Amino acid sequence: MPVSLPLRLLDRVRELGSPDLRTASPEQLARARSTRVPEGPAGAVLGPLVGWLLGSPHPDAVVQDTTVPGADGDLPLRVWAPRTLPAGAPLVVHLHGGGFVVGGPALYDWWCSELAVRLGAVVASVDYRKAPEHPAPAASEDAIAAATALLDSAGERFGATGRAAVTGDSAGGNLATLVALALRGDQRLAAQWLVYPATDMTRSLPSHARLPAEPFLPRESMDVFTEMYLAGGIAADDPRVSPLLGDDPAGSAPALVQVATRDPLVDEGEAWATRLEDAGVAVRLSAYVDQPHGFASVPGLSPAARQALEEGVRFLRRHLSPEGR
């Protein structure tokens, strides 16, 4: 079902209560990252709508807010699990989207809680450091450090004694990709699930020119996110931010790559899936037709969100089984 017009309207209304990211104070950025709706009159109007769009946590899931070691100190961590955790439960490390600038685990409560219950897993959503306060490569360093710490401690801390996977969407898909590359050879990491991942910060692939004004990720937003994320001086073609331009990914964990055909990032996801396949990595590429960037985060509006989640659950169930990959 096409969802472009409703999403564009929602995006415009949300802007009414959101700060200009280029001029926002640290306090404004913190509030924007920690709330599901904007402040002020727009928030009063949007509250029920956003709740419907983003979904509600699964009733059979429990949540714990704690911390995990990052690259430069502890990071906030939101952990979802089913009320009754099965023996040998797997771990899923989740990395949220938001252009490396905004977003946070609270925006993914529906997604992570559903995943935890359906998979019978511990889902740990990492709130990594963000730009502009912490430009690249802080986010990727945090993601790798947190994932490693969780692999080492999730059994003792959360009862997740089974295999592990990493997942993320958009900017989080970029970070999940970098985690999977960094942990090549670690047999505990058995799968990676990438949802419309950003893999090339040069934004030189054709879909960026073909889809300059799609909802939730117009070119203006990408310009701001890119400017802030690379403000520390790292080049856009550096493999620490653009894994598509890096070394051979051979040895990475099996991957599910989901893309949306009306997403400016679609070519990046497809190119990364091809790169993995060429390197001998088991990969499934799944294209969601006529869906825009961000569709998986709005289950109230897009039925494809639940379809994408179900596909991911099936993929992880197969690769996280005790029999291994």
Protein backbone atom coordinates (compact mmCIF):
# COMPACT_ATOMS: atom_id res chain seq x y z
CA MET A 1 0.00 0.00 0.00
CA PRO A 2 1.48 3.40 -0.91
CA VAL A 3 2.06 5.45 2.22
CA SER A 4 3.96 8.45 0.87
CA LEU A 5 1.32 11.16 1.31
CA PRO A 6 0.33 10.31 4.92
CA LEU A 7 3.98 9.98 5.90
CA ARG A 8 4.84 13.31 4.29
CA LEU A 9 2.01 14.98 6.22
CA LEU A 10 3.16 13.41 9.48
CA ASP A 11 6.73 14.46 8.83
CA ARG A 12 5.66 18.05 8.23
CA VAL A 13 3.52 18.23 11.39
CA ARG A 14 6.29 16.76 13.51
CA GLU A 15 8.63 19.48 12.27
CA LEU A 16 6.37 22.05 13.91
CA GLY A 17 7.44 20.93 17.35
CA SER A 18 11.02 19.86 16.60
CA PRO A 19 14.12 22.03 16.90
CA ASP A 20 16.28 23.06 13.97
CA LEU A 21 19.03 20.49 14.38
CA ARG A 22 21.76 22.87 13.19
CA THR A 23 20.96 25.46 15.88
CA ALA A 24 19.47 23.25 18.63
CA SER A 25 20.96 23.43 22.10
CA PRO A 26 22.21 20.24 23.78
CA GLU A 27 19.10 20.32 25.98
CA GLN A 28 16.80 20.55 22.94
CA LEU A 29 18.61 17.69 21.24
CA ALA A 30 18.36 15.54 24.36
CA ARG A 31 14.61 16.14 24.59
CA ALA A 32 14.12 15.45 20.90
CA ARG A 33 15.97 12.15 21.25
CA SER A 34 14.15 10.93 24.34
CA THR A 35 10.51 11.62 23.40
CA ARG A 36 8.19 10.00 20.89
CA VAL A 37 6.34 13.24 20.08
CA PRO A 38 7.44 16.89 19.80
CA GLU A 39 6.91 19.36 22.59
CA GLY A 40 4.23 22.06 22.67
CA PRO A 41 0.93 22.23 20.77
CA ALA A 42 2.10 19.88 18.05
CA GLY A 43 2.78 17.21 20.67
CA ALA A 44 -0.72 17.49 22.11
CA VAL A 45 -2.19 16.96 18.67
CA LEU A 46 0.21 14.27 17.59
CA GLY A 47 0.39 12.17 20.76
CA PRO A 48 -2.44 9.73 19.94
CA LEU A 49 -1.52 9.66 16.25
CA VAL A 50 2.13 8.88 16.93
CA GLY A 51 1.15 6.17 19.40
CA TRP A 52 -1.00 4.53 16.73
CA LEU A 53 1.69 4.89 14.07
CA LEU A 54 4.61 3.60 16.14
CA GLY A 55 2.71 0.80 17.84
CA SER A 56 2.62 -0.35 21.45
CA PRO A 57 4.87 -2.79 23.30
CA HIS A 58 3.84 -6.43 23.22
CA PRO A 59 1.81 -7.25 26.37
CA ASP A 60 3.86 -10.37 27.07
CA ALA A 61 7.18 -8.51 27.04
CA VAL A 62 9.08 -7.04 29.98
CA VAL A 63 11.53 -4.16 29.77
CA GLN A 64 14.60 -3.14 31.74
CA ASP A 65 16.53 0.12 31.36
CA THR A 66 20.17 -0.29 32.28
CA THR A 67 23.61 0.47 30.83
CA VAL A 68 26.32 -1.21 28.78
CA PRO A 69 29.99 -0.25 28.36
CA GLY A 70 30.64 1.78 25.21
CA ALA A 71 33.88 3.00 23.71
CA ASP A 72 34.11 5.96 26.12
CA GLY A 73 31.93 5.18 29.11
CA ASP A 74 28.61 3.53 29.85
CA LEU A 75 25.70 3.88 27.42
CA PRO A 76 21.95 3.67 28.08
CA LEU A 77 20.54 0.26 27.16
CA ARG A 78 16.90 -0.80 26.87
CA VAL A 79 16.42 -4.56 27.18
CA TRP A 80 13.25 -6.41 26.13
CA ALA A 81 12.50 -10.06 26.88
CA PRO A 82 9.45 -12.36 27.02
CA ARG A 83 7.93 -12.80 30.47
CA THR A 84 9.14 -16.39 30.46
CA LEU A 85 12.57 -16.63 28.88
CA PRO A 86 13.23 -20.02 27.27
CA ALA A 87 16.39 -21.97 27.98
CA GLY A 88 19.20 -21.11 25.61
CA ALA A 89 17.53 -17.84 24.60
CA PRO A 90 19.45 -15.92 21.92
CA LEU A 91 20.64 -12.32 22.13
CA VAL A 92 19.75 -9.68 19.55
CA VAL A 93 21.74 -6.44 19.68
CA HIS A 94 19.59 -3.65 18.24
CA LEU A 95 20.93 -0.33 16.90
CA HIS A 96 18.32 2.33 16.20
CA GLY A 97 18.07 4.70 13.25
CA GLY A 98 17.95 8.49 13.23
CA GLY A 99 20.71 9.74 10.95
CA PHE A 100 23.34 9.37 13.71
CA VAL A 101 21.82 12.53 15.25
CA VAL A 102 18.33 11.79 16.61
CA GLY A 103 16.29 8.76 17.61
CA GLY A 104 16.59 6.38 20.50
CA PRO A 105 15.44 3.00 21.83
CA ALA A 106 12.08 4.40 23.00
CA LEU A 107 11.00 4.81 19.37
CA TYR A 108 11.46 1.07 18.83
CA ASP A 109 9.48 -0.34 21.76
CA TRP A 110 6.95 -2.02 19.44
CA TRP A 111 9.62 -3.49 17.19
CA CYS A 112 11.96 -4.73 19.94
CA SER A 113 9.25 -6.10 22.22
CA GLU A 114 7.55 -7.95 19.36
CA LEU A 115 10.90 -9.37 18.30
CA ALA A 116 11.68 -10.49 21.85
CA VAL A 117 8.39 -12.32 22.30
CA ARG A 118 8.17 -13.87 18.83
CA LEU A 119 11.75 -15.05 18.83
CA GLY A 120 11.97 -15.94 22.52
CA ALA A 121 15.04 -13.73 22.78
CA VAL A 122 16.66 -10.97 24.77
CA VAL A 123 16.67 -7.83 22.60
CA ALA A 124 19.14 -5.19 23.80
CA SER A 125 18.75 -1.74 22.17
CA VAL A 126 21.88 0.41 22.48
CA ASP A 127 21.64 4.19 22.80
CA TYR A 128 25.01 5.05 21.24
CA ARG A 129 26.57 8.54 21.24
CA LYS A 130 25.33 10.89 18.54
CA ALA A 131 26.41 13.86 16.49
CA PRO A 132 26.94 16.77 16.60
CA GLU A 133 28.29 16.38 20.14
CA HIS A 134 29.98 13.14 19.14
CA PRO A 135 30.72 12.99 15.39
CA ALA A 136 31.96 9.92 13.55
CA PRO A 137 33.38 7.48 14.37
CA ALA A 138 31.95 7.69 17.92
CA ALA A 139 28.70 5.90 17.03
CA SER A 140 30.40 2.96 15.34
CA GLU A 141 32.99 2.68 18.10
CA ASP A 142 30.17 2.57 20.65
CA ALA A 143 28.21 0.01 18.64
CA ILE A 144 31.19 -2.34 18.35
CA ALA A 145 32.17 -1.92 22.01
CA ALA A 146 28.60 -2.40 23.26
CA ALA A 147 27.98 -5.44 21.06
CA THR A 148 31.19 -7.03 22.26
CA ALA A 149 30.33 -6.32 25.90
CA LEU A 150 26.85 -7.78 25.43
CA LEU A 151 28.21 -10.94 23.83
CA ASP A 152 30.49 -11.32 26.84
CA SER A 153 27.89 -10.64 29.53
CA ALA A 154 24.34 -11.24 28.24
CA GLY A 155 24.17 -14.75 29.68
CA GLU A 156 25.05 -13.65 33.18
CA ARG A 157 23.14 -10.35 33.08
CA PHE A 158 20.01 -11.24 31.12
CA GLY A 159 19.89 -15.01 30.72
CA ALA A 160 20.65 -14.92 26.98
CA THR A 161 22.93 -17.95 26.72
CA GLY A 162 22.30 -18.78 23.05
CA ARG A 163 23.68 -17.43 19.82
CA ALA A 164 23.60 -13.73 18.95
CA ALA A 165 22.60 -11.45 16.10
CA VAL A 166 22.92 -7.76 15.36
CA THR A 167 20.23 -5.67 13.69
CA GLY A 168 19.48 -2.06 12.88
CA ASP A 169 17.66 0.21 10.47
CA SER A 170 18.97 3.14 8.41
CA ALA A 171 21.84 4.66 10.44
CA GLY A 172 21.45 1.69 12.76
CA GLY A 173 21.81 -0.57 9.74
CA ASN A 174 25.11 1.13 9.00
CA LEU A 175 26.25 0.48 12.56
CA ALA A 176 25.01 -3.12 12.52
CA THR A 177 26.99 -3.66 9.31
CA LEU A 178 30.13 -2.30 10.96
CA VAL A 179 29.57 -4.49 14.02
CA ALA A 180 29.23 -7.59 11.84
CA LEU A 181 32.44 -6.67 10.02
CA ALA A 182 34.33 -6.02 13.26
CA LEU A 183 33.19 -9.34 14.77
CA ARG A 184 34.05 -11.55 11.81
CA GLY A 185 35.41 -14.78 13.18
CA ASP A 186 33.46 -14.55 16.44
CA GLN A 187 31.27 -17.65 16.23
CA ARG A 188 28.85 -16.25 18.79
CA LEU A 189 27.55 -13.73 16.22
CA ALA A 190 25.47 -15.91 13.91
CA ALA A 191 23.39 -13.41 11.92
CA GLN A 192 22.97 -9.79 10.84
CA TRP A 193 19.62 -8.25 9.90
CA LEU A 194 19.88 -4.92 8.09
CA VAL A 195 16.80 -2.78 7.44
CA TYR A 196 17.31 -0.19 4.66
CA PRO A 197 20.94 0.26 5.75
CA ALA A 198 23.04 3.31 4.93
CA THR A 199 26.29 1.91 3.56
CA ASP A 200 27.80 4.76 1.51
CA MET A 201 28.02 8.24 3.03
CA THR A 202 29.18 9.73 -0.28
CA ARG A 203 25.54 9.38 -1.42
CA SER A 204 26.75 8.88 -4.98
CA LEU A 205 24.48 6.01 -6.02
CA PRO A 206 21.63 6.76 -8.47
CA SER A 207 18.72 6.34 -6.05
CA HIS A 208 19.71 9.54 -4.25
CA ALA A 209 19.21 11.57 -7.42
CA ARG A 210 16.15 9.57 -8.42
CA LEU A 211 14.34 9.99 -5.07
CA PRO A 212 15.31 13.40 -3.67
CA ALA A 213 12.09 14.23 -1.83
CA GLU A 214 10.76 11.02 -0.32
CA PRO A 215 8.97 11.18 3.07
CA PHE A 216 11.00 10.82 6.27
CA LEU A 217 14.30 11.11 4.37
CA PRO A 218 14.30 14.08 1.98
CA ARG A 219 17.60 15.36 0.66
CA GLU A 220 17.55 18.32 3.10
CA SER A 221 17.45 15.97 6.09
CA MET A 222 20.28 13.86 4.71
CA ASP A 223 22.36 16.99 4.17
CA VAL A 224 21.95 17.95 7.83
CA PHE A 225 22.64 14.46 9.15
CA THR A 226 25.72 14.03 6.95
CA GLU A 227 27.11 17.45 7.86
CA MET A 228 26.73 16.76 11.58
CA TYR A 229 27.97 13.17 11.50
CA LEU A 230 31.13 14.00 9.53
CA ALA A 231 31.83 17.24 11.43
CA GLY A 232 34.86 15.70 13.12
CA GLY A 233 36.74 15.61 9.84
CA ILE A 234 36.31 11.98 8.80
CA ALA A 235 35.88 11.64 5.04
CA ALA A 236 32.61 10.42 3.56
CA ASP A 237 34.41 7.57 1.78
CA ASP A 238 36.13 6.34 4.95
CA PRO A 239 35.18 2.67 5.54
CA ARG A 240 34.40 3.51 9.17
CA VAL A 241 31.30 5.33 7.90
CA SER A 242 30.93 3.81 4.42
CA PRO A 243 31.34 0.04 4.66
CA LEU A 244 30.42 -0.33 0.97
CA LEU A 245 33.74 1.36 0.16
CA GLY A 246 35.81 -0.75 2.55
CA ASP A 247 37.58 -4.06 2.47
CA ASP A 248 36.25 -7.46 1.42
CA PRO A 249 33.45 -8.46 3.84
CA ALA A 250 34.19 -12.18 3.51
CA GLY A 251 33.59 -14.05 6.75
CA SER A 252 30.68 -11.86 7.89
CA ALA A 253 27.68 -13.52 9.51
CA PRO A 254 24.77 -14.53 7.25
CA ALA A 255 22.66 -11.49 6.39
CA LEU A 256 19.11 -10.45 5.69
CA VAL A 257 19.04 -7.09 3.88
CA GLN A 258 15.62 -5.44 3.58
CA VAL A 259 15.20 -2.41 1.31
CA ALA A 260 12.29 -0.15 0.33
CA THR A 261 11.92 0.72 -3.33
CA ARG A 262 10.91 4.37 -2.64
CA ASP A 263 13.86 4.96 -0.33
CA PRO A 264 16.87 7.07 -1.38
CA LEU A 265 19.00 4.40 0.34
CA VAL A 266 17.65 1.53 -1.76
CA ASP A 267 20.71 1.34 -4.02
CA GLU A 268 23.01 1.31 -1.00
CA GLY A 269 21.23 -1.67 0.51
CA GLU A 270 21.14 -3.56 -2.77
CA ALA A 271 24.82 -2.81 -3.47
CA TRP A 272 25.79 -4.04 -0.01
CA ALA A 273 23.82 -7.27 -0.46
CA THR A 274 25.62 -7.84 -3.76
CA ARG A 275 28.97 -7.12 -2.12
CA LEU A 276 28.24 -9.68 0.61
CA GLU A 277 27.14 -12.29 -1.93
CA ASP A 278 30.24 -11.74 -4.05
CA ALA A 279 32.35 -12.27 -0.93
CA GLY A 280 30.72 -15.62 -0.26
CA VAL A 281 28.45 -14.48 2.57
CA ALA A 282 25.02 -16.10 2.74
CA VAL A 283 22.62 -13.22 2.09
CA ARG A 284 18.93 -12.70 1.40
CA LEU A 285 17.87 -9.43 -0.23
CA SER A 286 14.21 -8.54 0.23
CA ALA A 287 12.66 -5.52 -1.50
CA TYR A 288 9.45 -3.94 -0.17
CA VAL A 289 7.73 -2.48 -3.21
CA ASP A 290 6.37 1.09 -3.13
CA GLN A 291 7.43 1.54 0.50
CA PRO A 292 9.39 4.61 1.67
CA HIS A 293 12.29 4.89 4.05
CA GLY A 294 11.09 4.32 7.60
CA PHE A 295 8.07 2.15 6.74
CA ALA A 296 9.11 -0.56 9.20
CA SER A 297 8.78 1.89 12.10
CA VAL A 298 5.11 2.73 11.47
CA PRO A 299 3.06 -0.45 11.92
CA GLY A 300 -0.13 1.56 12.38
CA LEU A 301 0.13 2.92 8.87
CA SER A 302 2.06 0.36 6.86
CA PRO A 303 1.09 -3.33 6.91
CA ALA A 304 4.50 -3.98 5.39
CA ALA A 305 6.06 -3.14 8.77
CA ARG A 306 4.65 -6.31 10.29
CA GLN A 307 5.62 -8.28 7.20
CA ALA A 308 9.23 -7.06 7.49
CA LEU A 309 9.30 -7.94 11.19
CA GLU A 310 7.93 -11.42 10.54
CA GLU A 311 10.51 -12.01 7.82
CA GLY A 312 13.26 -10.97 10.20
CA VAL A 313 11.96 -13.25 12.94
CA ARG A 314 11.97 -16.23 10.56
CA PHE A 315 15.49 -15.38 9.42
CA LEU A 316 16.83 -15.08 12.96
CA ARG A 317 15.03 -18.20 14.14
CA ARG A 318 16.78 -20.17 11.41
CA HIS A 319 20.25 -18.82 12.11
CA LEU A 320 20.06 -18.60 15.88
CA SER A 321 18.86 -22.16 16.41
CA PRO A 322 21.12 -24.33 18.60
CA GLU A 323 22.15 -26.31 15.51
CA GLY A 324 24.00 -23.21 14.28
CA ARG A 325 24.40 -21.79 10.82
